[in-house]
Amino acid sequence: MKQIFICYSQKDTAWKEKLETYLKILRNIGWSTWSDSELALGDEWEAEIEKNLDEADIALLLISNDFLISEYIQEKELPRLLKRKEKGEIELFPILLRPCLWTEYDWLSKIQLRPTGGIALSGGTDFEVELNLTEITGEITTILRQKKNREIVEPQKTITIKTKEPEKKVGFLCEGLPELMVGSDNQRIILTQGNECILTSDFNDIKHLPPEKKYTVAELDRQNQLVVGLRKKELAVLQGSVWSYIPMDGVPLSMALWNNKIIIGDSIRRVSILMDNKALDVRTALPAPVVQIMPLSEDMVLLLDANGKVWTLKEKEDLVTEFQPSILNPFGRVYEMEKGFTNQDILLIGHKKMGIYNWSAEQLKVSKKEFPCGLRKVVSGTKNCFVLTDEGQLLILSKSLLQARRILSKEEEVVIGLNATHDKAILVWTQLGNLYQVEESGVYRTIASSKTVFAYEDFESKRIHAFQKAEKGFSLNII
């Protein structure tokens, strides 16, 4: 699991611990935090701090007067961090805890502090502190997801499409290709470059969101209109070739299409329904922001909050209620939800464990043994399900959740992503660029060797669309 180093003064331990409770959600995308509180009795503490500092990809700097006057931070940790930053080896993310003269430090005045506006966390009410920590966590999560994708594929400025197939609409969120976000094949493709959202329509006419519009989530509605959540507490809606903007009270963090409506969860724990270019709030505010929305049926949608609790929103009601707490609470914190083996099953992903909940029979089955690491993605078949771990291992797990075995077990074959096919098999692409089709039995065949960065099957034509590295940008090969 990748690591975030927390640099702080011991006098700010309470703030550090409060921040860590919010950052636990980063385990969902394969990141964990480290600070000197992790040191065990007998550790060579200075060597251990230096080791974790050198291995970290991002460092959170908890700024206060005590941070600025700490000899150990200023003489040991900070010079090492700044040297790594100059080499492009680490990103620094300063968070202003308490008022201090941080502007007197040249290196710090050149970096954007959070919260924005230079207002310290300690100056807010309890609600404002929670809101700021939620927005900071959401921003870090977005940055880390983009960083993870950039490690898989270097960003390009162009995309080359080689196909004369008739129009086939498909919507997807890409995990392996940072440019491709959501869209429809042969009609509309959404690209992202850094934090900028770009639309390519018919692969010729490129329309940009303004560069200051930093995105968080996106979805296509039934009319194939694009809705993009923006960090500046707005929704951007593309109608034809024109962007319109809808103000929000919080930052949109999750989004899903349900019964011709788009449901949105934001950073201030509200759930909204987008109708007639207006975001209408549901009456009930949740204890934590909604990080995933999953339509369960035409009558019900499930909401997963940042604390790992599942809630329901029903059609023709504007109240949110907790979903089967007496049954789900023993499972513990839910990190993600996926559709299960039948229409009545929900796959629950926790930390190093899985569960199957049959919501019709109100029965929960939990895996007996913990997995060796966190789980990134799960796709269910008829009798087995495919599990992708944070370490890039591909497992087949039986419906009983009792037996798991690894496939594609070559050490160099680190799996980057997977998508389902119409016949309950999956497409799998690896860090080496190889593309495989894997059956439920575990039998697999090679479809393409090298250069694959993302693949999916068009369920209508049952043909595979593989995006592969090209001389300039990417090519789309239909197999």
Protein backbone atom coordinates (compact mmCIF):
# COMPACT_ATOMS: atom_id res chain seq x y z
CA MET A 1 0.00 0.00 0.00
CA LYS A 2 1.35 3.45 -0.94
CA GLN A 3 2.15 5.85 1.85
CA ILE A 4 1.46 9.43 2.93
CA PHE A 5 3.93 10.93 5.41
CA ILE A 6 2.46 13.26 8.06
CA CYS A 7 4.91 15.90 9.27
CA TYR A 8 3.71 17.66 12.44
CA SER A 9 4.65 19.02 15.86
CA GLN A 10 3.96 16.80 18.87
CA LYS A 11 1.94 19.70 20.31
CA ASP A 12 -0.50 19.26 17.42
CA THR A 13 -1.09 15.55 18.04
CA ALA A 14 -4.82 16.05 18.65
CA TRP A 15 -5.21 17.75 15.26
CA LYS A 16 -3.15 15.02 13.59
CA GLU A 17 -5.36 12.28 15.06
CA LYS A 18 -8.54 14.10 14.00
CA LEU A 19 -7.23 14.41 10.44
CA GLU A 20 -6.27 10.72 10.38
CA THR A 21 -9.86 9.66 11.08
CA TYR A 22 -10.89 11.38 7.82
CA LEU A 23 -7.91 10.03 5.87
CA LYS A 24 -8.80 6.39 6.60
CA ILE A 25 -11.01 6.51 3.50
CA LEU A 26 -7.81 6.64 1.40
CA ARG A 27 -7.38 2.91 2.02
CA ASN A 28 -10.11 2.50 -0.62
CA ILE A 29 -7.63 3.58 -3.30
CA GLY A 30 -4.58 1.83 -1.88
CA TRP A 31 -3.01 4.57 0.29
CA SER A 32 -2.22 4.71 4.00
CA THR A 33 -0.78 7.36 6.32
CA TRP A 34 2.40 7.17 8.42
CA SER A 35 3.60 9.38 11.27
CA ASP A 36 6.02 8.94 14.16
CA SER A 37 3.14 7.63 16.29
CA GLU A 38 3.59 4.36 14.34
CA LEU A 39 7.02 3.81 15.96
CA ALA A 40 7.21 0.70 18.12
CA LEU A 41 9.20 0.18 21.29
CA GLY A 42 12.80 -0.58 20.37
CA ASP A 43 12.68 0.99 16.89
CA GLU A 44 15.62 3.14 15.83
CA TRP A 45 13.28 6.08 15.64
CA GLU A 46 15.35 8.51 13.53
CA ALA A 47 16.27 5.87 10.93
CA GLU A 48 12.63 4.71 10.79
CA ILE A 49 11.37 8.29 10.26
CA GLU A 50 13.92 8.86 7.46
CA LYS A 51 12.99 5.54 5.81
CA ASN A 52 9.26 6.36 5.74
CA LEU A 53 9.93 9.94 4.65
CA ASP A 54 12.03 8.70 1.71
CA GLU A 55 9.41 6.12 0.67
CA ALA A 56 6.40 8.46 0.79
CA ASP A 57 4.84 9.85 -2.41
CA ILE A 58 3.05 12.70 -0.67
CA ALA A 59 3.62 14.57 2.60
CA LEU A 60 1.01 16.43 4.64
CA LEU A 61 2.55 19.33 6.56
CA LEU A 62 0.46 20.38 9.57
CA ILE A 63 1.39 24.04 9.89
CA SER A 64 1.37 25.88 13.23
CA ASN A 65 3.80 28.05 15.17
CA ASP A 66 5.08 24.91 16.93
CA PHE A 67 5.71 23.31 13.52
CA LEU A 68 7.67 26.37 12.36
CA ILE A 69 9.89 26.54 15.46
CA SER A 70 10.52 22.80 15.81
CA GLU A 71 14.27 22.23 15.43
CA TYR A 72 13.86 18.62 14.35
CA ILE A 73 11.32 19.49 11.64
CA GLN A 74 13.28 22.49 10.36
CA GLU A 75 16.73 20.86 10.46
CA LYS A 76 15.97 17.20 9.69
CA GLU A 77 12.60 16.51 8.09
CA LEU A 78 11.93 19.68 6.08
CA PRO A 79 15.28 19.88 4.18
CA ARG A 80 14.86 16.23 3.16
CA LEU A 81 11.27 16.86 2.01
CA LEU A 82 12.15 20.00 0.04
CA LYS A 83 15.07 18.23 -1.65
CA ARG A 84 12.78 15.40 -2.75
CA LYS A 85 10.19 17.94 -3.94
CA GLU A 86 12.81 19.66 -6.12
CA LYS A 87 13.54 16.30 -7.76
CA GLY A 88 9.83 15.71 -8.36
CA GLU A 89 9.82 12.68 -6.05
CA ILE A 90 7.17 13.89 -3.60
CA GLU A 91 4.23 16.29 -3.41
CA LEU A 92 3.83 18.58 -0.39
CA PHE A 93 0.35 19.41 0.92
CA PRO A 94 0.44 22.01 3.75
CA ILE A 95 -2.60 22.35 6.03
CA LEU A 96 -2.86 25.42 8.28
CA LEU A 97 -3.90 24.26 11.76
CA ARG A 98 -3.37 27.38 13.86
CA PRO A 99 -2.53 31.04 13.11
CA CYS A 100 1.20 31.70 12.63
CA LEU A 101 3.58 33.75 10.48
CA TRP A 102 3.82 31.16 7.73
CA THR A 103 4.12 33.90 5.07
CA GLU A 104 7.65 34.64 6.38
CA TYR A 105 8.86 31.30 4.99
CA ASP A 106 9.61 31.55 1.26
CA TRP A 107 9.21 27.84 0.53
CA LEU A 108 5.79 27.80 2.22
CA SER A 109 4.44 31.00 0.69
CA LYS A 110 4.93 29.43 -2.78
CA ILE A 111 2.64 26.46 -2.03
CA GLN A 112 -1.16 26.62 -1.88
CA LEU A 113 -2.29 26.12 1.74
CA ARG A 114 -5.49 24.47 2.83
CA PRO A 115 -8.04 25.61 3.88
CA THR A 116 -8.10 28.17 1.08
CA GLY A 117 -7.90 31.83 2.06
CA GLY A 118 -5.20 31.22 4.70
CA ILE A 119 -7.79 30.79 7.47
CA ALA A 120 -6.60 28.29 10.09
CA LEU A 121 -8.70 25.25 10.95
CA SER A 122 -8.71 26.26 14.62
CA GLY A 123 -10.65 29.44 13.80
CA GLY A 124 -13.77 27.59 12.67
CA THR A 125 -16.80 26.18 14.45
CA ASP A 126 -17.04 22.41 14.91
CA PHE A 127 -19.14 22.19 11.75
CA GLU A 128 -16.70 24.36 9.76
CA VAL A 129 -13.77 22.20 10.91
CA GLU A 130 -15.58 19.03 9.82
CA LEU A 131 -16.47 20.64 6.49
CA ASN A 132 -12.88 21.78 5.87
CA LEU A 133 -11.41 18.39 6.78
CA THR A 134 -13.94 16.68 4.51
CA GLU A 135 -13.10 18.97 1.58
CA ILE A 136 -9.35 18.56 2.21
CA THR A 137 -9.76 14.77 2.25
CA GLY A 138 -11.82 14.88 -0.94
CA GLU A 139 -9.16 16.98 -2.67
CA ILE A 140 -6.36 14.64 -1.51
CA THR A 141 -8.38 11.64 -2.71
CA THR A 142 -8.81 13.18 -6.17
CA ILE A 143 -5.09 14.03 -6.38
CA LEU A 144 -4.08 10.51 -5.36
CA ARG A 145 -6.45 8.86 -7.85
CA GLN A 146 -4.94 10.99 -10.63
CA LYS A 147 -1.42 10.25 -9.39
CA LYS A 148 -2.18 6.53 -9.39
CA ASN A 149 -3.44 6.72 -12.97
CA ARG A 150 -0.42 8.77 -14.13
CA GLU A 151 1.88 6.02 -12.85
CA ILE A 152 0.10 3.57 -15.16
CA VAL A 153 0.02 5.70 -18.30
CA GLU A 154 1.97 8.87 -18.98
CA PRO A 155 -0.42 11.74 -19.89
CA GLN A 156 -0.77 12.47 -23.62
CA LYS A 157 -2.36 15.40 -25.40
CA THR A 158 -4.08 13.53 -28.21
CA ILE A 159 -6.17 10.45 -28.79
CA THR A 160 -6.30 8.70 -32.16
CA ILE A 161 -9.39 6.62 -32.93
CA LYS A 162 -9.11 3.93 -35.62
CA THR A 163 -12.61 2.57 -36.22
CA LYS A 164 -15.44 2.78 -38.74
CA GLU A 165 -17.90 0.91 -36.61
CA PRO A 166 -21.47 2.26 -36.38
CA GLU A 167 -22.32 4.31 -33.33
CA LYS A 168 -22.48 2.35 -30.09
CA LYS A 169 -23.21 4.16 -26.87
CA VAL A 170 -21.38 3.13 -23.74
CA GLY A 171 -20.71 4.90 -20.46
CA PHE A 172 -17.78 4.02 -18.25
CA LEU A 173 -15.38 5.42 -15.67
CA CYS A 174 -11.81 4.58 -16.60
CA GLU A 175 -9.36 3.45 -13.93
CA GLY A 176 -6.33 2.86 -16.14
CA LEU A 177 -6.33 5.72 -18.63
CA PRO A 178 -6.13 9.18 -17.09
CA GLU A 179 -7.32 10.95 -20.24
CA LEU A 180 -10.48 8.88 -20.72
CA MET A 181 -13.11 9.57 -18.08
CA VAL A 182 -16.67 8.91 -19.22
CA GLY A 183 -18.42 8.98 -22.55
CA SER A 184 -19.86 7.08 -25.47
CA ASP A 185 -17.85 5.26 -28.11
CA ASN A 186 -18.00 6.79 -31.60
CA GLN A 187 -20.10 9.68 -30.42
CA ARG A 188 -18.62 11.42 -27.42
CA ILE A 189 -15.49 10.86 -25.37
CA ILE A 190 -14.47 12.77 -22.29
CA LEU A 191 -10.78 13.42 -21.78
CA THR A 192 -8.91 14.75 -18.77
CA GLN A 193 -5.50 16.36 -18.76
CA GLY A 194 -4.30 17.04 -15.25
CA ASN A 195 -7.28 18.65 -13.55
CA GLU A 196 -8.73 19.96 -16.81
CA CYS A 197 -11.84 18.37 -18.30
CA ILE A 198 -11.97 18.25 -22.09
CA LEU A 199 -14.75 17.04 -24.36
CA THR A 200 -14.04 15.56 -27.77
CA SER A 201 -17.21 15.40 -29.86
CA ASP A 202 -16.98 13.28 -33.03
CA PHE A 203 -13.21 13.34 -32.37
CA ASN A 204 -12.79 16.70 -34.09
CA ASP A 205 -14.36 19.60 -32.23
CA ILE A 206 -12.66 19.94 -28.82
CA LYS A 207 -14.48 21.95 -26.18
CA HIS A 208 -12.84 22.81 -22.88
CA LEU A 209 -14.11 23.55 -19.46
CA PRO A 210 -12.30 26.70 -18.25
CA PRO A 211 -8.91 25.68 -16.73
CA GLU A 212 -9.94 26.85 -13.25
CA LYS A 213 -12.81 24.36 -13.26
CA LYS A 214 -11.33 21.40 -11.36
CA TYR A 215 -13.50 18.30 -11.63
CA THR A 216 -14.38 15.65 -9.04
CA VAL A 217 -16.93 13.26 -10.64
CA ALA A 218 -18.88 12.92 -13.89
CA GLU A 219 -21.95 11.14 -15.24
CA LEU A 220 -23.97 10.92 -18.46
CA ASP A 221 -27.75 11.29 -18.21
CA ARG A 222 -30.39 9.55 -20.34
CA GLN A 223 -30.18 12.27 -22.98
CA ASN A 224 -26.40 11.72 -23.15
CA GLN A 225 -25.81 15.10 -21.55
CA LEU A 226 -22.60 15.27 -19.55
CA VAL A 227 -22.77 16.39 -15.90
CA VAL A 228 -19.44 17.16 -14.20
CA GLY A 229 -18.97 17.90 -10.49
CA LEU A 230 -16.54 20.74 -9.82
CA ARG A 231 -14.43 21.49 -6.77
CA LYS A 232 -15.72 25.07 -6.71
CA LYS A 233 -19.11 23.80 -5.50
CA GLU A 234 -20.73 23.71 -8.92
CA LEU A 235 -22.16 21.28 -11.44
CA ALA A 236 -21.17 21.82 -15.07
CA VAL A 237 -23.79 20.56 -17.54
CA LEU A 238 -22.97 20.22 -21.23
CA GLN A 239 -26.03 20.79 -23.42
CA GLY A 240 -25.07 20.52 -27.07
CA SER A 241 -21.86 22.50 -27.22
CA VAL A 242 -22.61 24.91 -24.35
CA TRP A 243 -21.60 24.52 -20.71
CA SER A 244 -24.02 25.77 -18.06
CA TYR A 245 -23.24 25.91 -14.34
CA ILE A 246 -25.44 25.04 -11.37
CA PRO A 247 -24.34 26.25 -7.90
CA MET A 248 -24.05 23.71 -5.07
CA ASP A 249 -23.71 24.24 -1.31
CA GLY A 250 -20.91 21.66 -1.12
CA VAL A 251 -18.35 20.00 -3.39
CA PRO A 252 -19.93 17.13 -5.43
CA LEU A 253 -18.17 13.90 -4.41
CA SER A 254 -20.36 11.12 -5.89
CA MET A 255 -22.91 10.82 -8.66
CA ALA A 256 -25.15 8.19 -10.29
CA LEU A 257 -28.00 7.98 -12.79
CA TRP A 258 -31.24 6.64 -11.29
CA ASN A 259 -34.71 6.66 -12.89
CA ASN A 260 -33.76 9.41 -15.37
CA LYS A 261 -32.46 11.57 -12.52
CA ILE A 262 -28.91 12.17 -11.38
CA ILE A 263 -28.33 11.70 -7.64
CA ILE A 264 -25.44 13.68 -6.13
CA GLY A 265 -23.64 13.40 -2.78
CA ASP A 266 -21.62 16.42 -1.62
CA SER A 267 -18.98 17.39 0.93
CA ILE A 268 -21.46 18.88 3.43
CA ARG A 269 -23.26 15.53 3.85
CA ARG A 270 -26.21 16.41 1.65
CA VAL A 271 -27.84 14.35 -1.08
CA SER A 272 -29.33 16.22 -4.05
CA ILE A 273 -31.40 15.29 -7.09
CA LEU A 274 -30.65 17.07 -10.36
CA MET A 275 -33.93 17.95 -12.09
CA ASP A 276 -34.64 20.68 -14.65
CA ASN A 277 -31.14 22.11 -14.19
CA LYS A 278 -31.68 22.51 -10.44
CA ALA A 279 -30.08 20.57 -7.61
CA LEU A 280 -32.89 19.83 -5.13
CA ASP A 281 -31.76 18.77 -1.65
CA VAL A 282 -33.18 15.71 0.06
CA ARG A 283 -34.44 16.62 3.53
CA THR A 284 -32.15 14.41 5.61
CA ALA A 285 -28.45 15.32 6.05
CA LEU A 286 -26.21 12.30 6.67
CA PRO A 287 -23.59 11.94 9.43
CA ALA A 288 -20.82 11.88 6.79
CA PRO A 289 -20.48 12.71 3.06
CA VAL A 290 -21.72 10.16 0.52
CA VAL A 291 -18.79 8.60 -1.37
CA GLN A 292 -20.72 6.08 -3.50
CA ILE A 293 -24.24 5.91 -4.92
CA MET A 294 -25.59 2.58 -6.26
CA PRO A 295 -29.10 2.23 -7.72
CA LEU A 296 -30.58 -1.01 -6.35
CA SER A 297 -33.94 -1.01 -8.11
CA GLU A 298 -36.40 1.43 -9.64
CA ASP A 299 -37.72 2.06 -6.12
CA MET A 300 -34.49 2.33 -4.12
CA VAL A 301 -30.93 3.65 -4.33
CA LEU A 302 -28.14 2.85 -1.85
CA LEU A 303 -25.82 5.54 -0.45
CA LEU A 304 -22.45 4.72 1.12
CA ASP A 305 -21.06 7.39 3.45
CA ALA A 306 -17.45 8.11 4.41
CA ASN A 307 -17.92 6.35 7.76
CA GLY A 308 -18.73 3.10 5.95
CA LYS A 309 -22.48 3.08 6.68
CA VAL A 310 -25.09 2.27 4.03
CA TRP A 311 -28.28 4.34 3.63
CA THR A 312 -31.33 4.18 1.37
CA LEU A 313 -33.25 6.76 -0.62
CA LYS A 314 -36.61 5.62 -2.00
CA GLU A 315 -38.51 6.85 -5.02
CA LYS A 316 -41.20 9.47 -4.24
CA GLU A 317 -39.64 10.06 -0.80
CA ASP A 318 -37.13 12.70 0.23
CA LEU A 319 -35.97 10.96 3.42
CA VAL A 320 -32.74 9.00 3.82
CA THR A 321 -32.81 6.05 6.24
CA GLU A 322 -30.10 3.62 7.40
CA PHE A 323 -30.12 0.36 5.46
CA GLN A 324 -30.62 -2.79 7.58
CA PRO A 325 -28.33 -1.65 10.46
CA SER A 326 -28.97 -4.75 12.62
CA ILE A 327 -27.65 -6.98 9.82
CA LEU A 328 -24.90 -4.82 8.30
CA ASN A 329 -23.37 -3.38 11.50
CA PRO A 330 -21.61 -6.67 12.41
CA PHE A 331 -19.79 -6.50 9.05
CA GLY A 332 -18.10 -3.29 10.14
CA ARG A 333 -17.11 -0.45 7.88
CA VAL A 334 -18.06 -0.85 4.22
CA TYR A 335 -15.50 0.58 1.78
CA GLU A 336 -17.35 -0.10 -1.47
CA MET A 337 -20.45 -1.81 -2.88
CA GLU A 338 -20.83 -3.84 -6.08
CA LYS A 339 -23.71 -5.68 -7.76
CA GLY A 340 -23.75 -9.35 -6.71
CA PHE A 341 -24.45 -12.79 -8.18
CA THR A 342 -28.20 -12.11 -8.51
CA ASN A 343 -30.37 -8.99 -8.61
CA GLN A 344 -30.97 -9.45 -4.89
CA ASP A 345 -27.27 -9.66 -3.95
CA ILE A 346 -24.93 -6.84 -2.97
CA LEU A 347 -21.19 -7.42 -2.63
CA LEU A 348 -19.80 -5.51 0.33
CA ILE A 349 -16.08 -4.72 0.31
CA GLY A 350 -14.43 -4.02 3.66
CA HIS A 351 -10.82 -3.81 4.78
CA LYS A 352 -9.31 -7.18 3.78
CA LYS A 353 -12.73 -8.86 3.74
CA MET A 354 -15.88 -9.30 1.66
CA GLY A 355 -19.53 -9.97 2.30
CA ILE A 356 -22.59 -10.94 0.27
CA TYR A 357 -25.86 -9.42 1.40
CA ASN A 358 -29.13 -10.75 -0.03
CA TRP A 359 -31.44 -7.83 0.57
CA SER A 360 -34.57 -9.80 -0.35
CA ALA A 361 -33.91 -12.58 2.22
CA GLU A 362 -32.08 -10.17 4.59
CA GLN A 363 -29.12 -12.53 4.94
CA LEU A 364 -25.42 -11.61 5.21
CA LYS A 365 -22.52 -13.96 4.46
CA VAL A 366 -18.97 -12.81 5.31
CA SER A 367 -15.63 -14.26 4.19
CA LYS A 368 -14.10 -16.37 6.97
CA LYS A 369 -10.47 -15.38 6.38
CA GLU A 370 -9.02 -11.93 5.84
CA PHE A 371 -7.33 -11.18 2.53
CA PRO A 372 -3.58 -10.42 2.76
CA CYS A 373 -4.14 -6.83 1.57
CA GLY A 374 -6.91 -4.39 0.67
CA LEU A 375 -9.35 -4.96 -2.21
CA ARG A 376 -9.54 -2.57 -5.16
CA LYS A 377 -12.33 -4.00 -7.31
CA VAL A 378 -14.72 -6.98 -7.33
CA VAL A 379 -16.71 -8.33 -10.31
CA SER A 380 -19.24 -11.12 -9.77
CA GLY A 381 -19.93 -14.03 -12.10
CA THR A 382 -22.48 -16.84 -11.73
CA LYS A 383 -20.66 -19.10 -9.26
CA ASN A 384 -17.47 -17.18 -8.53
CA CYS A 385 -16.32 -13.60 -8.32
CA PHE A 386 -13.10 -11.95 -9.45
CA VAL A 387 -11.18 -9.89 -6.88
CA LEU A 388 -8.44 -7.36 -7.70
CA THR A 389 -6.28 -6.50 -4.68
CA ASP A 390 -4.41 -3.28 -3.94
CA GLU A 391 -1.16 -5.11 -4.76
CA GLY A 392 -2.34 -6.01 -8.28
CA GLN A 393 -3.15 -9.67 -7.61
CA LEU A 394 -6.13 -11.26 -9.37
CA LEU A 395 -8.10 -13.78 -7.29
CA ILE A 396 -11.09 -16.01 -7.98
CA LEU A 397 -13.33 -16.35 -4.93
CA SER A 398 -16.10 -18.94 -4.68
CA LYS A 399 -19.69 -17.90 -4.05
CA SER A 400 -19.40 -19.49 -0.59
CA LEU A 401 -16.55 -17.02 0.15
CA LEU A 402 -14.54 -19.97 1.48
CA GLN A 403 -12.02 -20.62 -1.30
CA ALA A 404 -9.80 -18.10 -3.07
CA ARG A 405 -7.06 -18.81 -5.58
CA ARG A 406 -4.75 -16.58 -7.54
CA ILE A 407 -4.56 -16.54 -11.33
CA LEU A 408 -2.13 -14.72 -13.65
CA SER A 409 0.36 -15.38 -10.88
CA LYS A 410 3.53 -14.45 -12.73
CA GLU A 411 5.41 -12.03 -10.52
CA GLU A 412 5.78 -9.43 -13.27
CA GLU A 413 2.08 -9.54 -14.20
CA VAL A 414 0.71 -6.84 -11.94
CA VAL A 415 -2.98 -6.37 -12.81
CA ILE A 416 -4.02 -2.77 -13.39
CA GLY A 417 -7.73 -3.13 -14.08
CA LEU A 418 -10.60 -5.38 -15.09
CA ASN A 419 -14.06 -5.09 -16.64
CA ALA A 420 -16.91 -7.59 -17.02
CA THR A 421 -18.03 -9.17 -20.29
CA HIS A 422 -21.54 -10.29 -21.30
CA ASP A 423 -20.84 -13.97 -20.48
CA LYS A 424 -19.68 -13.42 -16.89
CA ALA A 425 -16.01 -13.51 -17.88
CA ILE A 426 -13.69 -10.52 -17.44
CA LEU A 427 -11.14 -8.55 -19.44
CA VAL A 428 -7.89 -7.99 -17.54
CA TRP A 429 -5.01 -5.70 -18.47
CA THR A 430 -1.65 -5.63 -16.73
CA GLN A 431 1.20 -3.23 -16.07
CA LEU A 432 3.11 -4.86 -18.95
CA GLY A 433 0.23 -3.88 -21.28
CA ASN A 434 -1.01 -7.43 -21.83
CA LEU A 435 -4.75 -7.99 -22.29
CA TYR A 436 -6.40 -11.26 -21.21
CA GLN A 437 -9.90 -12.71 -21.22
CA VAL A 438 -10.47 -14.77 -18.05
CA GLU A 439 -13.32 -17.27 -17.69
CA GLU A 440 -15.10 -17.99 -14.39
CA SER A 441 -13.21 -21.26 -14.17
CA GLY A 442 -9.90 -19.39 -14.15
CA VAL A 443 -8.95 -20.41 -17.69
CA TYR A 444 -7.57 -17.42 -19.58
CA ARG A 445 -6.33 -16.54 -23.03
CA THR A 446 -4.18 -13.71 -24.34
CA ILE A 447 -6.04 -11.20 -26.51
CA ALA A 448 -3.27 -8.64 -27.00
CA SER A 449 0.33 -8.45 -25.86
CA SER A 450 1.82 -5.14 -24.75
CA LYS A 451 0.54 -1.55 -24.98
CA THR A 452 -3.02 -2.08 -23.62
CA VAL A 453 -4.04 0.56 -21.09
CA PHE A 454 -7.82 0.05 -20.89
CA ALA A 455 -10.41 -2.35 -22.34
CA TYR A 456 -14.14 -3.02 -22.18
CA GLU A 457 -16.71 -5.09 -24.08
CA ASP A 458 -19.61 -3.47 -25.92
CA PHE A 459 -22.46 -5.68 -24.68
CA GLU A 460 -24.57 -5.11 -27.82
CA SER A 461 -21.99 -6.16 -30.41
CA LYS A 462 -20.07 -8.40 -27.97
CA ARG A 463 -16.84 -6.95 -29.33
CA ILE A 464 -13.85 -5.86 -27.28
CA HIS A 465 -12.64 -2.27 -27.40
CA ALA A 466 -8.98 -2.03 -26.38
CA PHE A 467 -7.20 1.28 -25.94
CA GLN A 468 -3.50 0.88 -26.65
CA LYS A 469 -0.47 3.14 -26.63
CA ALA A 470 0.22 4.60 -30.05
CA GLU A 471 3.05 6.69 -31.43
CA LYS A 472 1.02 9.79 -30.58
CA GLY A 473 -1.63 9.35 -27.93
CA PHE A 474 -3.73 6.18 -28.07
CA SER A 475 -5.40 3.99 -30.66
CA LEU A 476 -8.73 2.23 -30.22
CA ASN A 477 -8.69 -1.31 -31.60
CA ILE A 478 -11.96 -3.23 -31.92
CA ILE A 479 -11.48 -6.98 -31.54
